[in-house]
Amino acid sequence: MSWLDKIKVGRQRQMQILKAIAAGKTHKVIAADLGISEKTVEYHCTKLYQRFNVFKVADVPAVVLTHFALSKGLIRNLYERDSTA
């Protein structure tokens, strides 16, 4: 597996964990569901919180909803440059 593939897999895992947290699951339950250790879940959570500038678990559902809305084109990213300008 190339390093790029490892990054993609890592990001997929992080999104699985992010969605599970947004659904209200605990680290212990997430670890059991995904077949990984609780420490691994905590590691991914730390990386996710840094990536999305989330400082408390209560902010996770808003991050997930925003990510979903952006990916579906329901809202636009105000920080991206407009290619038509």
N, C-alpha and C. Protein backbone atom coordinates (compact mmCIF):
# COMPACT_ATOMS: atom_id res chain seq x y z
N MET A 1 0.86 -1.18 0.00
CA MET A 1 0.00 0.00 0.00
C MET A 1 0.90 1.24 0.00
N SER A 2 0.64 2.16 -0.91
CA SER A 2 1.45 3.38 -1.00
C SER A 2 1.07 4.33 0.14
N TRP A 3 1.91 5.32 0.36
CA TRP A 3 1.63 6.30 1.41
C TRP A 3 0.36 7.07 1.12
N LEU A 4 0.06 7.31 -0.17
CA LEU A 4 -1.17 8.02 -0.53
C LEU A 4 -2.40 7.18 -0.19
N ASP A 5 -2.31 5.87 -0.45
CA ASP A 5 -3.41 4.97 -0.09
C ASP A 5 -3.63 4.96 1.42
N LYS A 6 -2.53 4.99 2.18
CA LYS A 6 -2.63 5.00 3.64
C LYS A 6 -3.32 6.27 4.13
N ILE A 7 -3.03 7.39 3.49
CA ILE A 7 -3.69 8.65 3.85
C ILE A 7 -5.18 8.56 3.57
N LYS A 8 -5.55 8.03 2.40
CA LYS A 8 -6.96 7.89 2.05
C LYS A 8 -7.70 7.00 3.04
N VAL A 9 -7.08 5.88 3.40
CA VAL A 9 -7.69 4.96 4.36
C VAL A 9 -7.83 5.65 5.71
N GLY A 10 -6.81 6.38 6.11
CA GLY A 10 -6.86 7.12 7.38
C GLY A 10 -7.97 8.13 7.41
N ARG A 11 -8.15 8.84 6.33
CA ARG A 11 -9.22 9.84 6.26
C ARG A 11 -10.59 9.18 6.25
N GLN A 12 -10.71 8.06 5.58
CA GLN A 12 -11.98 7.33 5.59
C GLN A 12 -12.31 6.89 7.01
N ARG A 13 -11.31 6.40 7.73
CA ARG A 13 -11.51 5.96 9.11
C ARG A 13 -11.90 7.15 9.97
N GLN A 14 -11.24 8.29 9.76
CA GLN A 14 -11.57 9.48 10.54
C GLN A 14 -13.02 9.91 10.29
N MET A 15 -13.47 9.81 9.05
CA MET A 15 -14.86 10.20 8.76
C MET A 15 -15.84 9.21 9.39
N GLN A 16 -15.49 7.93 9.42
CA GLN A 16 -16.34 6.94 10.10
C GLN A 16 -16.45 7.30 11.58
N ILE A 17 -15.34 7.66 12.18
CA ILE A 17 -15.32 8.00 13.60
C ILE A 17 -16.08 9.29 13.84
N LEU A 18 -15.89 10.27 12.98
CA LEU A 18 -16.59 11.56 13.12
C LEU A 18 -18.10 11.36 13.07
N LYS A 19 -18.57 10.55 12.13
CA LYS A 19 -20.01 10.28 12.02
C LYS A 19 -20.52 9.54 13.25
N ALA A 20 -19.73 8.61 13.76
CA ALA A 20 -20.14 7.86 14.95
C ALA A 20 -20.24 8.77 16.17
N ILE A 21 -19.29 9.70 16.30
CA ILE A 21 -19.34 10.65 17.42
C ILE A 21 -20.57 11.54 17.28
N ALA A 22 -20.83 11.98 16.06
CA ALA A 22 -22.01 12.82 15.82
C ALA A 22 -23.30 12.07 16.15
N ALA A 23 -23.26 10.75 16.01
CA ALA A 23 -24.43 9.92 16.34
C ALA A 23 -24.53 9.65 17.83
N GLY A 24 -23.55 10.14 18.59
CA GLY A 24 -23.60 10.01 20.04
C GLY A 24 -22.93 8.77 20.60
N LYS A 25 -22.17 8.07 19.78
CA LYS A 25 -21.49 6.87 20.25
C LYS A 25 -20.25 7.23 21.07
N THR A 26 -19.95 6.39 22.05
CA THR A 26 -18.75 6.59 22.87
C THR A 26 -17.53 6.00 22.16
N HIS A 27 -16.34 6.39 22.62
CA HIS A 27 -15.11 5.86 22.04
C HIS A 27 -15.07 4.34 22.16
N LYS A 28 -15.55 3.82 23.27
CA LYS A 28 -15.54 2.38 23.50
C LYS A 28 -16.43 1.66 22.47
N VAL A 29 -17.61 2.20 22.23
CA VAL A 29 -18.54 1.60 21.26
C VAL A 29 -17.99 1.72 19.84
N ILE A 30 -17.43 2.87 19.51
CA ILE A 30 -16.84 3.08 18.18
C ILE A 30 -15.73 2.07 17.95
N ALA A 31 -14.86 1.90 18.94
CA ALA A 31 -13.75 0.95 18.82
C ALA A 31 -14.27 -0.46 18.57
N ALA A 32 -15.29 -0.86 19.31
CA ALA A 32 -15.86 -2.20 19.13
C ALA A 32 -16.49 -2.34 17.75
N ASP A 33 -17.24 -1.32 17.32
CA ASP A 33 -17.89 -1.37 16.00
C ASP A 33 -16.89 -1.49 14.86
N LEU A 34 -15.76 -0.77 14.98
CA LEU A 34 -14.78 -0.73 13.90
C LEU A 34 -13.66 -1.76 14.05
N GLY A 35 -13.65 -2.46 15.18
CA GLY A 35 -12.62 -3.47 15.39
C GLY A 35 -11.23 -2.89 15.62
N ILE A 36 -11.18 -1.74 16.28
CA ILE A 36 -9.91 -1.09 16.59
C ILE A 36 -9.87 -0.80 18.09
N SER A 37 -8.72 -0.39 18.59
CA SER A 37 -8.60 -0.10 20.01
C SER A 37 -9.18 1.28 20.34
N GLU A 38 -9.51 1.45 21.61
CA GLU A 38 -10.00 2.75 22.07
C GLU A 38 -8.93 3.83 21.89
N LYS A 39 -7.68 3.44 22.08
CA LYS A 39 -6.55 4.39 21.89
C LYS A 39 -6.49 4.87 20.45
N THR A 40 -6.78 3.98 19.51
CA THR A 40 -6.78 4.36 18.10
C THR A 40 -7.91 5.34 17.81
N VAL A 41 -9.07 5.11 18.41
CA VAL A 41 -10.19 6.04 18.26
C VAL A 41 -9.79 7.40 18.83
N GLU A 42 -9.18 7.42 20.01
CA GLU A 42 -8.75 8.68 20.62
C GLU A 42 -7.73 9.41 19.74
N TYR A 43 -6.81 8.65 19.14
CA TYR A 43 -5.82 9.25 18.24
C TYR A 43 -6.52 9.93 17.06
N HIS A 44 -7.45 9.20 16.43
CA HIS A 44 -8.17 9.77 15.28
C HIS A 44 -8.99 11.00 15.71
N CYS A 45 -9.58 10.94 16.88
CA CYS A 45 -10.35 12.08 17.38
C CYS A 45 -9.46 13.31 17.53
N THR A 46 -8.29 13.12 18.08
CA THR A 46 -7.35 14.23 18.24
C THR A 46 -7.02 14.84 16.89
N LYS A 47 -6.73 14.00 15.91
CA LYS A 47 -6.41 14.48 14.56
C LYS A 47 -7.61 15.20 13.93
N LEU A 48 -8.80 14.64 14.14
CA LEU A 48 -10.01 15.27 13.60
C LEU A 48 -10.26 16.63 14.21
N TYR A 49 -10.13 16.71 15.51
CA TYR A 49 -10.39 17.98 16.19
C TYR A 49 -9.40 19.03 15.72
N GLN A 50 -8.16 18.64 15.51
CA GLN A 50 -7.16 19.59 15.00
C GLN A 50 -7.51 20.00 13.57
N ARG A 51 -7.89 19.02 12.76
CA ARG A 51 -8.20 19.28 11.34
C ARG A 51 -9.38 20.23 11.16
N PHE A 52 -10.40 20.05 12.00
CA PHE A 52 -11.62 20.86 11.86
C PHE A 52 -11.71 21.99 12.87
N ASN A 53 -10.63 22.22 13.63
CA ASN A 53 -10.62 23.25 14.67
C ASN A 53 -11.79 23.09 15.64
N VAL A 54 -12.04 21.86 16.03
CA VAL A 54 -13.08 21.55 17.00
C VAL A 54 -12.41 21.45 18.36
N PHE A 55 -12.98 22.13 19.34
CA PHE A 55 -12.37 22.14 20.66
C PHE A 55 -13.18 21.39 21.70
N LYS A 56 -14.40 20.99 21.34
CA LYS A 56 -15.21 20.20 22.26
C LYS A 56 -16.12 19.28 21.46
N VAL A 57 -16.44 18.16 22.05
CA VAL A 57 -17.24 17.12 21.38
C VAL A 57 -18.61 17.67 20.97
N ALA A 58 -19.13 18.61 21.70
CA ALA A 58 -20.45 19.16 21.39
C ALA A 58 -20.49 19.84 20.02
N ASP A 59 -19.32 20.23 19.49
CA ASP A 59 -19.27 20.89 18.18
C ASP A 59 -19.26 19.90 17.02
N VAL A 60 -19.05 18.62 17.29
CA VAL A 60 -18.90 17.63 16.22
C VAL A 60 -20.13 17.54 15.32
N PRO A 61 -21.37 17.48 15.85
CA PRO A 61 -22.52 17.40 14.92
C PRO A 61 -22.58 18.56 13.92
N ALA A 62 -22.23 19.75 14.35
CA ALA A 62 -22.22 20.89 13.43
C ALA A 62 -21.18 20.72 12.34
N VAL A 63 -20.03 20.17 12.70
CA VAL A 63 -18.97 19.93 11.72
C VAL A 63 -19.43 18.89 10.70
N VAL A 64 -20.05 17.82 11.17
CA VAL A 64 -20.53 16.78 10.27
C VAL A 64 -21.60 17.32 9.32
N LEU A 65 -22.54 18.07 9.85
CA LEU A 65 -23.60 18.65 9.01
C LEU A 65 -23.03 19.62 7.98
N THR A 66 -22.08 20.42 8.39
CA THR A 66 -21.45 21.37 7.47
C THR A 66 -20.70 20.63 6.37
N HIS A 67 -19.96 19.61 6.73
CA HIS A 67 -19.22 18.80 5.75
C HIS A 67 -20.19 18.17 4.75
N PHE A 68 -21.28 17.62 5.25
CA PHE A 68 -22.28 17.00 4.37
C PHE A 68 -22.88 18.04 3.42
N ALA A 69 -23.27 19.18 3.95
CA ALA A 69 -23.89 20.22 3.14
C ALA A 69 -22.92 20.73 2.07
N LEU A 70 -21.65 20.89 2.42
CA LEU A 70 -20.65 21.32 1.44
C LEU A 70 -20.47 20.26 0.35
N SER A 71 -20.40 18.98 0.76
CA SER A 71 -20.17 17.91 -0.21
C SER A 71 -21.34 17.73 -1.17
N LYS A 72 -22.54 18.08 -0.74
CA LYS A 72 -23.73 17.95 -1.58
C LYS A 72 -24.07 19.24 -2.34
N GLY A 73 -23.25 20.27 -2.13
CA GLY A 73 -23.49 21.54 -2.82
C GLY A 73 -24.67 22.32 -2.26
N LEU A 74 -25.10 21.99 -1.05
CA LEU A 74 -26.23 22.69 -0.44
C LEU A 74 -25.82 24.07 0.06
N ILE A 75 -24.56 24.20 0.41
CA ILE A 75 -23.99 25.49 0.79
C ILE A 75 -22.65 25.61 0.09
N ARG A 76 -22.13 26.82 0.02
CA ARG A 76 -20.82 26.98 -0.61
C ARG A 76 -19.81 27.43 0.43
N ASN A 77 -18.58 27.07 0.17
CA ASN A 77 -17.49 27.43 1.07
C ASN A 77 -17.13 28.89 0.83
N LEU A 78 -17.33 29.72 1.80
CA LEU A 78 -17.06 31.14 1.66
C LEU A 78 -15.57 31.44 1.61
N TYR A 79 -14.74 30.47 1.97
CA TYR A 79 -13.29 30.69 1.99
C TYR A 79 -12.60 30.29 0.70
N GLU A 80 -13.33 29.64 -0.21
CA GLU A 80 -12.77 29.29 -1.50
C GLU A 80 -12.93 30.46 -2.45
N ARG A 81 -11.97 30.61 -3.32
CA ARG A 81 -12.08 31.67 -4.32
C ARG A 81 -13.10 31.28 -5.37
N ASP A 82 -13.87 32.24 -5.80
CA ASP A 82 -14.86 32.01 -6.84
C ASP A 82 -14.16 31.93 -8.18
N SER A 83 -14.28 30.79 -8.87
CA SER A 83 -13.59 30.60 -10.15
C SER A 83 -14.20 31.44 -11.27
N THR A 84 -15.40 31.98 -11.06
CA THR A 84 -16.03 32.77 -12.11
C THR A 84 -15.64 34.24 -12.01
N ALA A 85 -15.00 34.63 -10.92
CA ALA A 85 -14.63 36.04 -10.73
C ALA A 85 -13.41 36.40 -11.52
